[in-house]
């Protein structure tokens, strides 16, 4: 696989892992049993922690890409 293939695989898998990580640890306004102000959706997260989740997705993607590189380098799976 060339650099373009690795770049595309990294980009797509990063988004895949981000959507896996997004619902982890989410606390909604309805779970806090507090009064919700008008205009705030009850199911919206209190603290989204997007930066932390983006870092988690990046870490998972890097681990996945290392696995892909090992498989590609040693020809463990023939894609051709």
N, C-alpha and C. Protein backbone atom coordinates (compact mmCIF):
# COMPACT_ATOMS: atom_id res chain seq x y z
N UNK A 1 0.85 -1.16 0.00
CA UNK A 1 0.00 0.00 0.00
C UNK A 1 0.90 1.23 0.00
N UNK A 2 0.54 2.24 -0.76
CA UNK A 2 1.34 3.46 -0.82
C UNK A 2 0.83 4.49 0.20
N UNK A 3 1.45 5.66 0.19
CA UNK A 3 1.11 6.70 1.17
C UNK A 3 -0.33 7.18 1.00
N UNK A 4 -0.80 7.23 -0.21
CA UNK A 4 -2.18 7.68 -0.44
C UNK A 4 -3.16 6.66 0.15
N UNK A 5 -2.87 5.39 -0.03
CA UNK A 5 -3.72 4.35 0.55
C UNK A 5 -3.74 4.40 2.06
N UNK A 6 -2.57 4.60 2.66
CA UNK A 6 -2.51 4.74 4.12
C UNK A 6 -3.25 5.98 4.60
N UNK A 7 -3.13 7.08 3.86
CA UNK A 7 -3.81 8.32 4.24
C UNK A 7 -5.32 8.16 4.18
N UNK A 8 -5.81 7.54 3.13
CA UNK A 8 -7.26 7.33 3.00
C UNK A 8 -7.75 6.38 4.09
N UNK A 9 -7.00 5.32 4.36
CA UNK A 9 -7.38 4.38 5.41
C UNK A 9 -7.39 5.06 6.77
N UNK A 10 -6.39 5.91 7.04
CA UNK A 10 -6.34 6.63 8.31
C UNK A 10 -7.54 7.56 8.44
N UNK A 11 -7.84 8.32 7.39
CA UNK A 11 -8.94 9.28 7.42
C UNK A 11 -10.28 8.58 7.68
N UNK A 12 -10.55 7.52 6.94
CA UNK A 12 -11.82 6.82 7.09
C UNK A 12 -11.93 6.11 8.44
N UNK A 13 -10.85 5.48 8.87
CA UNK A 13 -10.91 4.78 10.15
C UNK A 13 -10.98 5.75 11.33
N UNK A 14 -10.39 6.95 11.18
CA UNK A 14 -10.49 7.95 12.25
C UNK A 14 -11.94 8.35 12.47
N UNK A 15 -12.65 8.60 11.39
CA UNK A 15 -14.08 8.94 11.52
C UNK A 15 -14.87 7.77 12.08
N UNK A 16 -14.55 6.56 11.65
CA UNK A 16 -15.21 5.36 12.16
C UNK A 16 -15.03 5.25 13.68
N UNK A 17 -13.79 5.38 14.15
CA UNK A 17 -13.52 5.27 15.58
C UNK A 17 -14.11 6.45 16.35
N UNK A 18 -14.17 7.63 15.74
CA UNK A 18 -14.79 8.78 16.42
C UNK A 18 -16.26 8.50 16.70
N UNK A 19 -16.98 7.95 15.73
CA UNK A 19 -18.39 7.65 15.95
C UNK A 19 -18.59 6.51 16.94
N UNK A 20 -17.60 5.65 17.09
CA UNK A 20 -17.68 4.60 18.12
C UNK A 20 -17.47 5.21 19.50
N UNK A 21 -16.55 6.17 19.61
CA UNK A 21 -16.17 6.75 20.90
C UNK A 21 -17.16 7.82 21.38
N UNK A 22 -17.87 8.46 20.49
CA UNK A 22 -18.73 9.58 20.86
C UNK A 22 -19.74 9.28 21.97
N UNK A 23 -20.46 8.18 21.96
CA UNK A 23 -21.45 7.97 23.02
C UNK A 23 -20.88 7.50 24.36
N UNK A 24 -19.59 7.25 24.45
CA UNK A 24 -19.00 6.74 25.69
C UNK A 24 -18.93 7.87 26.73
N UNK A 25 -19.48 7.62 27.89
CA UNK A 25 -19.40 8.57 29.00
C UNK A 25 -20.25 9.81 28.87
N UNK A 26 -21.31 9.75 28.09
CA UNK A 26 -22.17 10.91 27.89
C UNK A 26 -23.22 10.95 29.00
N UNK A 27 -23.35 12.11 29.64
CA UNK A 27 -24.39 12.34 30.63
C UNK A 27 -25.34 13.39 30.06
N UNK A 28 -26.61 13.04 29.95
CA UNK A 28 -27.59 13.97 29.39
C UNK A 28 -28.25 14.77 30.50
N UNK A 29 -28.96 15.82 30.10
CA UNK A 29 -29.67 16.66 31.07
C UNK A 29 -30.77 15.87 31.77
N UNK A 30 -31.39 14.93 31.09
CA UNK A 30 -32.46 14.14 31.71
C UNK A 30 -31.93 13.19 32.78
N UNK A 31 -30.68 12.79 32.68
CA UNK A 31 -30.09 11.88 33.68
C UNK A 31 -29.71 12.60 34.97
N UNK A 32 -29.58 13.91 34.93
CA UNK A 32 -29.19 14.67 36.12
C UNK A 32 -30.36 15.00 37.03
N UNK A 33 -31.59 14.82 36.55
CA UNK A 33 -32.81 15.12 37.31
C UNK A 33 -32.83 16.56 37.81
N UNK A 34 -32.37 17.47 36.99
CA UNK A 34 -32.41 18.89 37.31
C UNK A 34 -33.43 19.57 36.40
N UNK A 35 -33.82 20.77 36.77
CA UNK A 35 -34.72 21.53 35.91
C UNK A 35 -33.95 21.98 34.68
N UNK A 36 -34.54 21.74 33.52
CA UNK A 36 -33.90 22.10 32.26
C UNK A 36 -34.50 23.41 31.79
N UNK A 37 -33.63 24.34 31.42
CA UNK A 37 -34.09 25.64 30.94
C UNK A 37 -34.79 25.49 29.60
N UNK A 38 -35.65 26.45 29.29
CA UNK A 38 -36.33 26.44 27.99
C UNK A 38 -35.31 26.59 26.88
N UNK A 39 -35.50 25.83 25.82
CA UNK A 39 -34.61 25.90 24.66
C UNK A 39 -33.48 24.90 24.68
N UNK A 40 -33.33 24.16 25.78
CA UNK A 40 -32.29 23.14 25.86
C UNK A 40 -32.94 21.77 25.69
N UNK A 41 -32.43 20.99 24.77
CA UNK A 41 -32.95 19.64 24.55
C UNK A 41 -32.60 18.76 25.74
N UNK A 42 -33.56 17.98 26.19
CA UNK A 42 -33.38 17.13 27.37
C UNK A 42 -32.32 16.06 27.12
N UNK A 43 -32.22 15.58 25.89
CA UNK A 43 -31.26 14.52 25.57
C UNK A 43 -29.88 15.01 25.19
N UNK A 44 -29.65 16.32 25.23
CA UNK A 44 -28.33 16.84 24.85
C UNK A 44 -27.32 16.59 25.98
N UNK A 45 -26.05 16.38 25.62
CA UNK A 45 -25.05 16.09 26.65
C UNK A 45 -24.73 17.32 27.49
N UNK A 46 -24.44 17.08 28.77
CA UNK A 46 -24.06 18.17 29.67
C UNK A 46 -22.64 18.63 29.33
N UNK A 47 -21.71 17.71 29.26
CA UNK A 47 -20.33 17.99 28.87
C UNK A 47 -19.96 17.02 27.76
N UNK A 48 -19.70 17.55 26.58
CA UNK A 48 -19.45 16.68 25.43
C UNK A 48 -18.04 16.08 25.45
N UNK A 49 -17.05 16.80 25.98
CA UNK A 49 -15.66 16.33 26.02
C UNK A 49 -15.15 15.91 24.64
N UNK A 50 -15.39 16.75 23.66
CA UNK A 50 -15.03 16.43 22.28
C UNK A 50 -13.52 16.26 22.11
N UNK A 51 -12.74 17.11 22.76
CA UNK A 51 -11.28 17.02 22.61
C UNK A 51 -10.77 15.67 23.10
N UNK A 52 -11.26 15.23 24.24
CA UNK A 52 -10.85 13.94 24.80
C UNK A 52 -11.26 12.80 23.87
N UNK A 53 -12.45 12.90 23.30
CA UNK A 53 -12.92 11.84 22.42
C UNK A 53 -12.18 11.84 21.09
N UNK A 54 -11.78 13.01 20.62
CA UNK A 54 -10.97 13.07 19.40
C UNK A 54 -9.60 12.45 19.64
N UNK A 55 -9.03 12.67 20.81
CA UNK A 55 -7.75 12.05 21.14
C UNK A 55 -7.88 10.54 21.28
N UNK A 56 -8.99 10.08 21.83
CA UNK A 56 -9.22 8.64 21.94
C UNK A 56 -9.36 8.02 20.55
N UNK A 57 -10.09 8.70 19.67
CA UNK A 57 -10.25 8.20 18.30
C UNK A 57 -8.91 8.17 17.57
N UNK A 58 -8.08 9.18 17.81
CA UNK A 58 -6.76 9.22 17.18
C UNK A 58 -5.88 8.07 17.69
N UNK A 59 -5.92 7.81 18.99
CA UNK A 59 -5.14 6.71 19.55
C UNK A 59 -5.58 5.36 19.00
N UNK A 60 -6.89 5.15 18.92
CA UNK A 60 -7.39 3.90 18.35
C UNK A 60 -7.01 3.77 16.88
N UNK A 61 -7.06 4.87 16.16
CA UNK A 61 -6.71 4.84 14.74
C UNK A 61 -5.23 4.55 14.54
N UNK A 62 -4.38 5.12 15.37
CA UNK A 62 -2.94 4.85 15.27
C UNK A 62 -2.67 3.37 15.54
N UNK A 63 -3.31 2.81 16.56
CA UNK A 63 -3.14 1.37 16.84
C UNK A 63 -3.63 0.53 15.67
N UNK A 64 -4.75 0.91 15.09
CA UNK A 64 -5.28 0.19 13.94
C UNK A 64 -4.35 0.30 12.74
N UNK A 65 -3.78 1.48 12.52
CA UNK A 65 -2.88 1.67 11.38
C UNK A 65 -1.57 0.90 11.56
N UNK A 66 -1.10 0.77 12.80
CA UNK A 66 0.08 -0.06 13.05
C UNK A 66 -0.23 -1.51 12.69
N UNK A 67 -1.41 -1.98 13.06
CA UNK A 67 -1.83 -3.34 12.70
C UNK A 67 -1.92 -3.50 11.18
N UNK A 68 -2.49 -2.51 10.49
CA UNK A 68 -2.59 -2.55 9.03
C UNK A 68 -1.21 -2.56 8.40
N UNK A 69 -0.29 -1.75 8.93
CA UNK A 69 1.07 -1.70 8.37
C UNK A 69 1.80 -3.03 8.57
N UNK A 70 1.62 -3.66 9.72
CA UNK A 70 2.24 -4.97 9.96
C UNK A 70 1.68 -6.01 9.00
N UNK A 71 0.37 -6.01 8.83
CA UNK A 71 -0.25 -6.96 7.90
C UNK A 71 0.23 -6.71 6.48
N UNK A 72 0.37 -5.45 6.10
CA UNK A 72 0.82 -5.11 4.75
C UNK A 72 2.30 -5.45 4.56
N UNK A 73 3.13 -5.17 5.55
CA UNK A 73 4.57 -5.38 5.42
C UNK A 73 4.92 -6.87 5.30
N UNK A 74 4.28 -7.69 6.13
CA UNK A 74 4.59 -9.11 6.14
C UNK A 74 3.70 -9.93 5.20
N UNK A 75 2.84 -9.28 4.43
CA UNK A 75 1.92 -9.95 3.51
C UNK A 75 1.13 -11.06 4.19
N UNK A 76 0.57 -10.75 5.36
CA UNK A 76 -0.21 -11.74 6.09
C UNK A 76 -1.56 -12.00 5.44
N UNK A 77 -2.10 -10.98 4.79
CA UNK A 77 -3.36 -11.11 4.05
C UNK A 77 -3.11 -10.61 2.64
N UNK A 78 -3.41 -11.42 1.68
CA UNK A 78 -3.21 -11.02 0.28
C UNK A 78 -4.48 -10.35 -0.23
N UNK A 79 -4.37 -9.08 -0.58
CA UNK A 79 -5.52 -8.31 -1.06
C UNK A 79 -5.56 -8.31 -2.58
N UNK A 80 -4.47 -8.63 -3.21
CA UNK A 80 -4.36 -8.52 -4.66
C UNK A 80 -5.09 -9.60 -5.39
